[in-house]
PDB file of N, CA and C in Angstrom:
ATOM      1  N   MET A   1     -21.788 -84.774 123.188  1.00  0.00           N
ATOM      2  CA  MET A   1     -21.102 -85.962 122.727  1.00  0.00           C
ATOM      3  C   MET A   1     -22.061 -86.917 122.031  1.00  0.00           C
ATOM      4  N   LEU A   2     -23.314 -86.957 122.478  1.00  0.00           N
ATOM      5  CA  LEU A   2     -24.303 -87.850 121.884  1.00  0.00           C
ATOM      6  C   LEU A   2     -24.474 -87.591 120.389  1.00  0.00           C
ATOM      7  N   ARG A   3     -24.395 -86.350 119.977  1.00  0.00           N
ATOM      8  CA  ARG A   3     -24.638 -86.007 118.579  1.00  0.00           C
ATOM      9  C   ARG A   3     -23.539 -86.486 117.646  1.00  0.00           C
ATOM     10  N   VAL A   4     -22.361 -86.805 118.147  1.00  0.00           N
ATOM     11  CA  VAL A   4     -21.279 -87.253 117.274  1.00  0.00           C
ATOM     12  C   VAL A   4     -21.085 -88.768 117.287  1.00  0.00           C
ATOM     13  N   LEU A   5     -21.794 -89.469 118.110  1.00  0.00           N
ATOM     14  CA  LEU A   5     -21.683 -90.926 118.151  1.00  0.00           C
ATOM     15  C   LEU A   5     -22.473 -91.546 117.006  1.00  0.00           C
ATOM     16  N   PRO A   6     -21.951 -92.605 116.417  1.00  0.00           N
ATOM     17  CA  PRO A   6     -22.674 -93.251 115.311  1.00  0.00           C
ATOM     18  C   PRO A   6     -23.774 -94.189 115.815  1.00  0.00           C
ATOM     19  N   LEU A   7     -24.817 -93.626 116.386  1.00  0.00           N
ATOM     20  CA  LEU A   7     -25.897 -94.415 116.969  1.00  0.00           C
ATOM     21  C   LEU A   7     -26.984 -94.695 115.947  1.00  0.00           C
ATOM     22  N   THR A   8     -27.532 -95.908 115.998  1.00  0.00           N
ATOM     23  CA  THR A   8     -28.726 -96.225 115.217  1.00  0.00           C
ATOM     24  C   THR A   8     -29.884 -96.572 116.137  1.00  0.00           C
ATOM     25  N   THR A   9     -29.551 -97.128 117.307  1.00  0.00           N
ATOM     26  CA  THR A   9     -30.567 -97.524 118.287  1.00  0.00           C
ATOM     27  C   THR A   9     -30.032 -97.241 119.687  1.00  0.00           C
ATOM     28  N   LEU A  10     -30.931 -96.810 120.562  1.00  0.00           N
ATOM     29  CA  LEU A  10     -30.551 -96.576 121.953  1.00  0.00           C
ATOM     30  C   LEU A  10     -31.635 -97.153 122.845  1.00  0.00           C
ATOM     31  N   LYS A  11     -31.222 -97.789 123.946  1.00  0.00           N
ATOM     32  CA  LYS A  11     -32.183 -98.333 124.906  1.00  0.00           C
ATOM     33  C   LYS A  11     -32.459 -97.318 126.002  1.00  0.00           C
ATOM     34  N   ILE A  12     -33.742 -97.197 126.340  1.00  0.00           N
ATOM     35  CA  ILE A  12     -34.130 -96.435 127.523  1.00  0.00           C
ATOM     36  C   ILE A  12     -34.019 -97.413 128.694  1.00  0.00           C
ATOM     37  N   ASP A  13     -33.189 -97.096 129.659  1.00  0.00           N
ATOM     38  CA  ASP A  13     -32.902 -98.000 130.766  1.00  0.00           C
ATOM     39  C   ASP A  13     -34.160 -98.399 131.524  1.00  0.00           C
ATOM     40  N   LYS A  14     -34.158 -99.644 131.986  1.00  0.00           N
ATOM     41  CA  LYS A  14     -35.323-100.173 132.699  1.00  0.00           C
ATOM     42  C   LYS A  14     -35.654 -99.393 133.967  1.00  0.00           C
ATOM     43  N   ALA A  15     -34.698 -98.656 134.527  1.00  0.00           N
ATOM     44  CA  ALA A  15     -34.985 -97.834 135.711  1.00  0.00           C
ATOM     45  C   ALA A  15     -36.031 -96.768 135.385  1.00  0.00           C
ATOM     46  N   PHE A  16     -36.019 -96.249 134.158  1.00  0.00           N
ATOM     47  CA  PHE A  16     -37.037 -95.284 133.740  1.00  0.00           C
ATOM     48  C   PHE A  16     -38.361 -95.981 133.457  1.00  0.00           C
ATOM     49  N   ILE A  17     -38.299 -97.116 132.767  1.00  0.00           N
ATOM     50  CA  ILE A  17     -39.516 -97.835 132.388  1.00  0.00           C
ATOM     51  C   ILE A  17     -40.222 -98.386 133.627  1.00  0.00           C
ATOM     52  N   ARG A  18     -39.454 -98.825 134.613  1.00  0.00           N
ATOM     53  CA  ARG A  18     -40.019 -99.403 135.841  1.00  0.00           C
ATOM     54  C   ARG A  18     -41.024 -98.458 136.501  1.00  0.00           C
ATOM     55  N   ASP A  19     -40.725 -97.165 136.517  1.00  0.00           N
ATOM     56  CA  ASP A  19     -41.570 -96.192 137.222  1.00  0.00           C
ATOM     57  C   ASP A  19     -42.455 -95.361 136.298  1.00  0.00           C
ATOM     58  N   ILE A  20     -42.474 -95.671 135.014  1.00  0.00           N
ATOM     59  CA  ILE A  20     -43.156 -94.807 134.052  1.00  0.00           C
ATOM     60  C   ILE A  20     -44.655 -94.701 134.303  1.00  0.00           C
ATOM     61  N   ASP A  21     -45.262 -95.733 134.855  1.00  0.00           N
ATOM     62  CA  ASP A  21     -46.701 -95.704 135.127  1.00  0.00           C
ATOM     63  C   ASP A  21     -47.017 -95.253 136.553  1.00  0.00           C
ATOM     64  N   ILE A  22     -45.988 -94.946 137.335  1.00  0.00           N
ATOM     65  CA  ILE A  22     -46.169 -94.552 138.730  1.00  0.00           C
ATOM     66  C   ILE A  22     -45.780 -93.088 138.952  1.00  0.00           C
ATOM     67  N   GLU A  23     -44.687 -92.684 138.365  1.00  0.00           N
ATOM     68  CA  GLU A  23     -44.125 -91.343 138.569  1.00  0.00           C
ATOM     69  C   GLU A  23     -44.309 -90.492 137.312  1.00  0.00           C
ATOM     70  N   PRO A  24     -45.163 -89.474 137.361  1.00  0.00           N
ATOM     71  CA  PRO A  24     -45.440 -88.648 136.172  1.00  0.00           C
ATOM     72  C   PRO A  24     -44.201 -87.995 135.555  1.00  0.00           C
ATOM     73  N   HIS A  25     -43.248 -87.582 136.384  1.00  0.00           N
ATOM     74  CA  HIS A  25     -42.052 -86.931 135.850  1.00  0.00           C
ATOM     75  C   HIS A  25     -41.211 -87.904 135.025  1.00  0.00           C
ATOM     76  N   THR A  26     -41.267 -89.175 135.360  1.00  0.00           N
ATOM     77  CA  THR A  26     -40.520 -90.168 134.606  1.00  0.00           C
ATOM     78  C   THR A  26     -41.034 -90.243 133.174  1.00  0.00           C
ATOM     79  N   ALA A  27     -42.342 -90.243 133.007  1.00  0.00           N
ATOM     80  CA  ALA A  27     -42.920 -90.266 131.654  1.00  0.00           C
ATOM     81  C   ALA A  27     -42.501 -89.032 130.867  1.00  0.00           C
ATOM     82  N   THR A  28     -42.427 -87.886 131.519  1.00  0.00           N
ATOM     83  CA  THR A  28     -42.005 -86.653 130.855  1.00  0.00           C
ATOM     84  C   THR A  28     -40.554 -86.750 130.403  1.00  0.00           C
ATOM     85  N   ILE A  29     -39.690 -87.294 131.244  1.00  0.00           N
ATOM     86  CA  ILE A  29     -38.286 -87.479 130.888  1.00  0.00           C
ATOM     87  C   ILE A  29     -38.155 -88.435 129.705  1.00  0.00           C
ATOM     88  N   VAL A  30     -38.850 -89.565 129.768  1.00  0.00           N
ATOM     89  CA  VAL A  30     -38.790 -90.553 128.690  1.00  0.00           C
ATOM     90  C   VAL A  30     -39.323 -89.955 127.390  1.00  0.00           C
ATOM     91  N   GLN A  31     -40.396 -89.213 127.467  1.00  0.00           N
ATOM     92  CA  GLN A  31     -40.953 -88.580 126.274  1.00  0.00           C
ATOM     93  C   GLN A  31     -39.928 -87.633 125.634  1.00  0.00           C
ATOM     94  N   GLY A  32     -39.256 -86.853 126.447  1.00  0.00           N
ATOM     95  CA  GLY A  32     -38.233 -85.945 125.931  1.00  0.00           C
ATOM     96  C   GLY A  32     -37.078 -86.686 125.282  1.00  0.00           C
ATOM     97  N   LEU A  33     -36.642 -87.775 125.910  1.00  0.00           N
ATOM     98  CA  LEU A  33     -35.572 -88.586 125.341  1.00  0.00           C
ATOM     99  C   LEU A  33     -35.984 -89.175 123.989  1.00  0.00           C
ATOM    100  N   ILE A  34     -37.167 -89.744 123.946  1.00  0.00           N
ATOM    101  CA  ILE A  34     -37.642 -90.372 122.712  1.00  0.00           C
ATOM    102  C   ILE A  34     -37.767 -89.324 121.605  1.00  0.00           C
ATOM    103  N   GLN A  35     -38.337 -88.178 121.895  1.00  0.00           N
ATOM    104  CA  GLN A  35     -38.495 -87.137 120.880  1.00  0.00           C
ATOM    105  C   GLN A  35     -37.136 -86.662 120.360  1.00  0.00           C
ATOM    106  N   THR A  36     -36.187 -86.462 121.263  1.00  0.00           N
ATOM    107  CA  THR A  36     -34.853 -86.028 120.862  1.00  0.00           C
ATOM    108  C   THR A  36     -34.168 -87.079 119.997  1.00  0.00           C
ATOM    109  N   LEU A  37     -34.214 -88.323 120.437  1.00  0.00           N
ATOM    110  CA  LEU A  37     -33.572 -89.396 119.687  1.00  0.00           C
ATOM    111  C   LEU A  37     -34.232 -89.599 118.328  1.00  0.00           C
ATOM    112  N   ASN A  38     -35.553 -89.559 118.269  1.00  0.00           N
ATOM    113  CA  ASN A  38     -36.252 -89.688 116.995  1.00  0.00           C
ATOM    114  C   ASN A  38     -35.863 -88.562 116.042  1.00  0.00           C
ATOM    115  N   ALA A  39     -35.736 -87.348 116.556  1.00  0.00           N
ATOM    116  CA  ALA A  39     -35.341 -86.215 115.720  1.00  0.00           C
ATOM    117  C   ALA A  39     -33.937 -86.404 115.148  1.00  0.00           C
ATOM    118  N   MET A  40     -33.108 -87.170 115.845  1.00  0.00           N
ATOM    119  CA  MET A  40     -31.749 -87.464 115.385  1.00  0.00           C
ATOM    120  C   MET A  40     -31.710 -88.703 114.491  1.00  0.00           C
ATOM    121  N   GLY A  41     -32.871 -89.329 114.270  1.00  0.00           N
ATOM    122  CA  GLY A  41     -32.922 -90.528 113.448  1.00  0.00           C
ATOM    123  C   GLY A  41     -32.507 -91.789 114.179  1.00  0.00           C
ATOM    124  N   VAL A  42     -32.531 -91.749 115.494  1.00  0.00           N
ATOM    125  CA  VAL A  42     -32.137 -92.897 116.318  1.00  0.00           C
ATOM    126  C   VAL A  42     -33.396 -93.647 116.751  1.00  0.00           C
ATOM    127  N   ARG A  43     -33.375 -94.971 116.560  1.00  0.00           N
ATOM    128  CA  ARG A  43     -34.479 -95.811 117.017  1.00  0.00           C
ATOM    129  C   ARG A  43     -34.362 -96.012 118.526  1.00  0.00           C
ATOM    130  N   VAL A  44     -35.505 -96.193 119.190  1.00  0.00           N
ATOM    131  CA  VAL A  44     -35.529 -96.289 120.650  1.00  0.00           C
ATOM    132  C   VAL A  44     -36.139 -97.625 121.075  1.00  0.00           C
ATOM    133  N   THR A  45     -35.438 -98.310 121.984  1.00  0.00           N
ATOM    134  CA  THR A  45     -35.933 -99.541 122.579  1.00  0.00           C
ATOM    135  C   THR A  45     -36.219 -99.294 124.052  1.00  0.00           C
ATOM    136  N   ALA A  46     -37.411 -99.652 124.485  1.00  0.00           N
ATOM    137  CA  ALA A  46     -37.763 -99.584 125.906  1.00  0.00           C
ATOM    138  C   ALA A  46     -37.313-100.894 126.551  1.00  0.00           C
ATOM    139  N   GLU A  47     -36.445-100.790 127.536  1.00  0.00           N
ATOM    140  CA  GLU A  47     -35.865-101.964 128.192  1.00  0.00           C
ATOM    141  C   GLU A  47     -36.578-102.226 129.513  1.00  0.00           C
ATOM    142  N   GLY A  48     -36.845-103.494 129.819  1.00  0.00           N
ATOM    143  CA  GLY A  48     -37.410-103.847 131.115  1.00  0.00           C
ATOM    144  C   GLY A  48     -38.912-103.700 131.213  1.00  0.00           C
ATOM    145  N   VAL A  49     -39.613-103.858 130.089  1.00  0.00           N
ATOM    146  CA  VAL A  49     -41.083-103.767 130.103  1.00  0.00           C
ATOM    147  C   VAL A  49     -41.629-105.043 130.730  1.00  0.00           C
ATOM    148  N   GLU A  50     -42.258-104.900 131.890  1.00  0.00           N
ATOM    149  CA  GLU A  50     -42.748-106.059 132.638  1.00  0.00           C
ATOM    150  C   GLU A  50     -44.259-106.049 132.845  1.00  0.00           C
ATOM    151  N   ARG A  51     -44.878-104.882 132.751  1.00  0.00           N
ATOM    152  CA  ARG A  51     -46.326-104.781 132.955  1.00  0.00           C
ATOM    153  C   ARG A  51     -46.972-104.118 131.742  1.00  0.00           C
ATOM    154  N   GLN A  52     -48.215-104.461 131.489  1.00  0.00           N
ATOM    155  CA  GLN A  52     -48.934-103.909 130.344  1.00  0.00           C
ATOM    156  C   GLN A  52     -49.018-102.384 130.423  1.00  0.00           C
ATOM    157  N   GLU A  53     -49.185-101.847 131.629  1.00  0.00           N
ATOM    158  CA  GLU A  53     -49.266-100.397 131.792  1.00  0.00           C
ATOM    159  C   GLU A  53     -47.978 -99.714 131.317  1.00  0.00           C
ATOM    160  N   GLN A  54     -46.847-100.329 131.628  1.00  0.00           N
ATOM    161  CA  GLN A  54     -45.561 -99.790 131.174  1.00  0.00           C
ATOM    162  C   GLN A  54     -45.488 -99.803 129.654  1.00  0.00           C
ATOM    163  N   SER A  55     -45.923-100.890 129.063  1.00  0.00           N
ATOM    164  CA  SER A  55     -45.899-101.004 127.609  1.00  0.00           C
ATOM    165  C   SER A  55     -46.813 -99.974 126.960  1.00  0.00           C
ATOM    166  N   ASP A  56     -48.011 -99.824 127.493  1.00  0.00           N
ATOM    167  CA  ASP A  56     -48.981 -98.881 126.927  1.00  0.00           C
ATOM    168  C   ASP A  56     -48.459 -97.450 126.956  1.00  0.00           C
ATOM    169  N   ILE A  57     -47.958 -97.031 128.107  1.00  0.00           N
ATOM    170  CA  ILE A  57     -47.459 -95.656 128.236  1.00  0.00           C
ATOM    171  C   ILE A  57     -46.234 -95.452 127.355  1.00  0.00           C
ATOM    172  N   SER A  58     -45.295 -96.393 127.396  1.00  0.00           N
ATOM    173  CA  SER A  58     -44.089 -96.268 126.580  1.00  0.00           C
ATOM    174  C   SER A  58     -44.438 -96.224 125.101  1.00  0.00           C
ATOM    175  N   HIS A  59     -45.362 -97.063 124.692  1.00  0.00           N
ATOM    176  CA  HIS A  59     -45.779 -97.089 123.286  1.00  0.00           C
ATOM    177  C   HIS A  59     -46.392 -95.753 122.888  1.00  0.00           C
ATOM    178  N   ASP A  60     -47.237 -95.204 123.747  1.00  0.00           N
ATOM    179  CA  ASP A  60     -47.847 -93.898 123.470  1.00  0.00           C
ATOM    180  C   ASP A  60     -46.792 -92.802 123.345  1.00  0.00           C
ATOM    181  N   LEU A  61     -45.663 -92.956 124.038  1.00  0.00           N
ATOM    182  CA  LEU A  61     -44.590 -91.964 123.969  1.00  0.00           C
ATOM    183  C   LEU A  61     -43.738 -92.127 122.718  1.00  0.00           C
ATOM    184  N   GLY A  62     -43.864 -93.268 122.028  1.00  0.00           N
ATOM    185  CA  GLY A  62     -43.233 -93.408 120.728  1.00  0.00           C
ATOM    186  C   GLY A  62     -42.004 -94.287 120.609  1.00  0.00           C
ATOM    187  N   TYR A  63     -41.770 -95.236 121.511  1.00  0.00           N
ATOM    188  CA  TYR A  63     -40.620 -96.108 121.309  1.00  0.00           C
ATOM    189  C   TYR A  63     -40.828 -96.969 120.070  1.00  0.00           C
ATOM    190  N   ASP A  64     -39.733 -97.488 119.522  1.00  0.00           N
ATOM    191  CA  ASP A  64     -39.800 -98.321 118.322  1.00  0.00           C
ATOM    192  C   ASP A  64     -39.931 -99.800 118.647  1.00  0.00           C
ATOM    193  N   THR A  65     -39.206-100.255 119.650  1.00  0.00           N
ATOM    194  CA  THR A  65     -39.256-101.657 120.061  1.00  0.00           C
ATOM    195  C   THR A  65     -39.190-101.724 121.583  1.00  0.00           C
ATOM    196  N   ALA A  66     -39.530-102.889 122.121  1.00  0.00           N
ATOM    197  CA  ALA A  66     -39.474-103.096 123.564  1.00  0.00           C
ATOM    198  C   ALA A  66     -38.902-104.467 123.860  1.00  0.00           C
ATOM    199  N   GLN A  67     -38.337-104.578 125.040  1.00  0.00           N
ATOM    200  CA  GLN A  67     -37.892-105.877 125.522  1.00  0.00           C
ATOM    201  C   GLN A  67     -38.194-105.951 127.005  1.00  0.00           C
ATOM    202  N   GLY A  68     -38.434-107.152 127.477  1.00  0.00           N
ATOM    203  CA  GLY A  68     -38.727-107.348 128.890  1.00  0.00           C
ATOM    204  C   GLY A  68     -39.599-108.559 129.096  1.00  0.00           C
ATOM    205  N   TYR A  69     -39.850-108.879 130.342  1.00  0.00           N
ATOM    206  CA  TYR A  69     -40.603-110.079 130.693  1.00  0.00           C
ATOM    207  C   TYR A  69     -42.028-110.084 130.149  1.00  0.00           C
ATOM    208  N   LEU A  70     -42.613-108.915 129.908  1.00  0.00           N
ATOM    209  CA  LEU A  70     -43.953-108.883 129.330  1.00  0.00           C
ATOM    210  C   LEU A  70     -43.938-109.486 127.924  1.00  0.00           C
ATOM    211  N   ILE A  71     -42.857-109.275 127.195  1.00  0.00           N
ATOM    212  CA  ILE A  71     -42.740-109.775 125.830  1.00  0.00           C
ATOM    213  C   ILE A  71     -42.272-111.236 125.847  1.00  0.00           C
ATOM    214  N   SER A  72     -41.223-111.523 126.612  1.00  0.00           N
ATOM    215  CA  SER A  72     -40.687-112.881 126.677  1.00  0.00           C
ATOM    216  C   SER A  72     -39.644-112.968 127.786  1.00  0.00           C
ATOM    217  N   ARG A  73     -39.541-114.118 128.381  1.00  0.00           N
ATOM    218  CA  ARG A  73     -38.462-114.400 129.311  1.00  0.00           C
ATOM    219  C   ARG A  73     -37.177-114.594 128.504  1.00  0.00           C
ATOM    220  N   PRO A  74     -36.005-114.371 129.091  1.00  0.00           N
ATOM    221  CA  PRO A  74     -34.755-114.629 128.379  1.00  0.00           C
ATOM    222  C   PRO A  74     -34.686-116.091 127.946  1.00  0.00           C
ATOM    223  N   MET A  75     -34.137-116.319 126.764  1.00  0.00           N
ATOM    224  CA  MET A  75     -33.999-117.679 126.255  1.00  0.00           C
ATOM    225  C   MET A  75     -32.757-117.775 125.380  1.00  0.00           C
ATOM    226  N   PRO A  76     -32.252-118.980 125.222  1.00  0.00           N
ATOM    227  CA  PRO A  76     -31.078-119.160 124.349  1.00  0.00           C
ATOM    228  C   PRO A  76     -31.469-118.881 122.887  1.00  0.00           C
ATOM    229  N   PRO A  77     -30.524-118.423 122.091  1.00  0.00           N
ATOM    230  CA  PRO A  77     -30.811-118.061 120.695  1.00  0.00           C
ATOM    231  C   PRO A  77     -31.498-119.164 119.900  1.00  0.00           C
ATOM    232  N   GLU A  78     -31.147-120.395 120.126  1.00  0.00           N
ATOM    233  CA  GLU A  78     -31.729-121.502 119.350  1.00  0.00           C
ATOM    234  C   GLU A  78     -33.207-121.718 119.623  1.00  0.00           C
ATOM    235  N   GLU A  79     -33.729-121.170 120.709  1.00  0.00           N
ATOM    236  CA  GLU A  79     -35.155-121.307 121.038  1.00  0.00           C
ATOM    237  C   GLU A  79     -36.005-120.153 120.510  1.00  0.00           C
ATOM    238  N   ILE A  80     -35.415-119.089 120.061  1.00  0.00           N
ATOM    239  CA  ILE A  80     -36.171-117.895 119.675  1.00  0.00           C
ATOM    240  C   ILE A  80     -37.181-118.187 118.596  1.00  0.00           C
ATOM    241  N   GLY A  81     -36.841-118.919 117.580  1.00  0.00           N
ATOM    242  CA  GLY A  81     -37.767-119.219 116.487  1.00  0.00           C
ATOM    243  C   GLY A  81     -38.933-120.111 116.865  1.00  0.00           C
ATOM    244  N   ARG A  82     -38.842-120.787 117.979  1.00  0.00           N
ATOM    245  CA  ARG A  82     -39.895-121.721 118.417  1.00  0.00           C
ATOM    246  C   ARG A  82     -41.037-121.036 119.140  1.00  0.00           C
ATOM    247  N   HIS A  83     -40.888-119.748 119.490  1.00  0.00           N
ATOM    248  CA  HIS A  83     -41.902-119.066 120.302  1.00  0.00           C
ATOM    249  C   HIS A  83     -42.633-118.043 119.502  1.00  0.00           C
TER     250      HIS A  83
END
C-alpha cells in the first residue's frame, strides 16, 4: 500500500529515534526504512531528536530533516522567525 500513496515526506516515529543510540537493531531498522523511502523518492524526517547522539546516528543513516527538542522547543508560528 505504501507504494501507491502520494507521499513526498515521511516521519520516522520518535519511538525509533529514542532508542537509536542504545539498541543496535533499531538503527538497522531505521537505516532500512530510510534507504527504501529514499529509493522511492520520499524525503525522511527524524522525529523526536533530543540528544546529539541520536542526531549524529540518524544523520549518518541519511535522513533529510529532523525535529525535536535538540533542534528547538515547540513554539507558536509567529515566533519561528525570531529564533
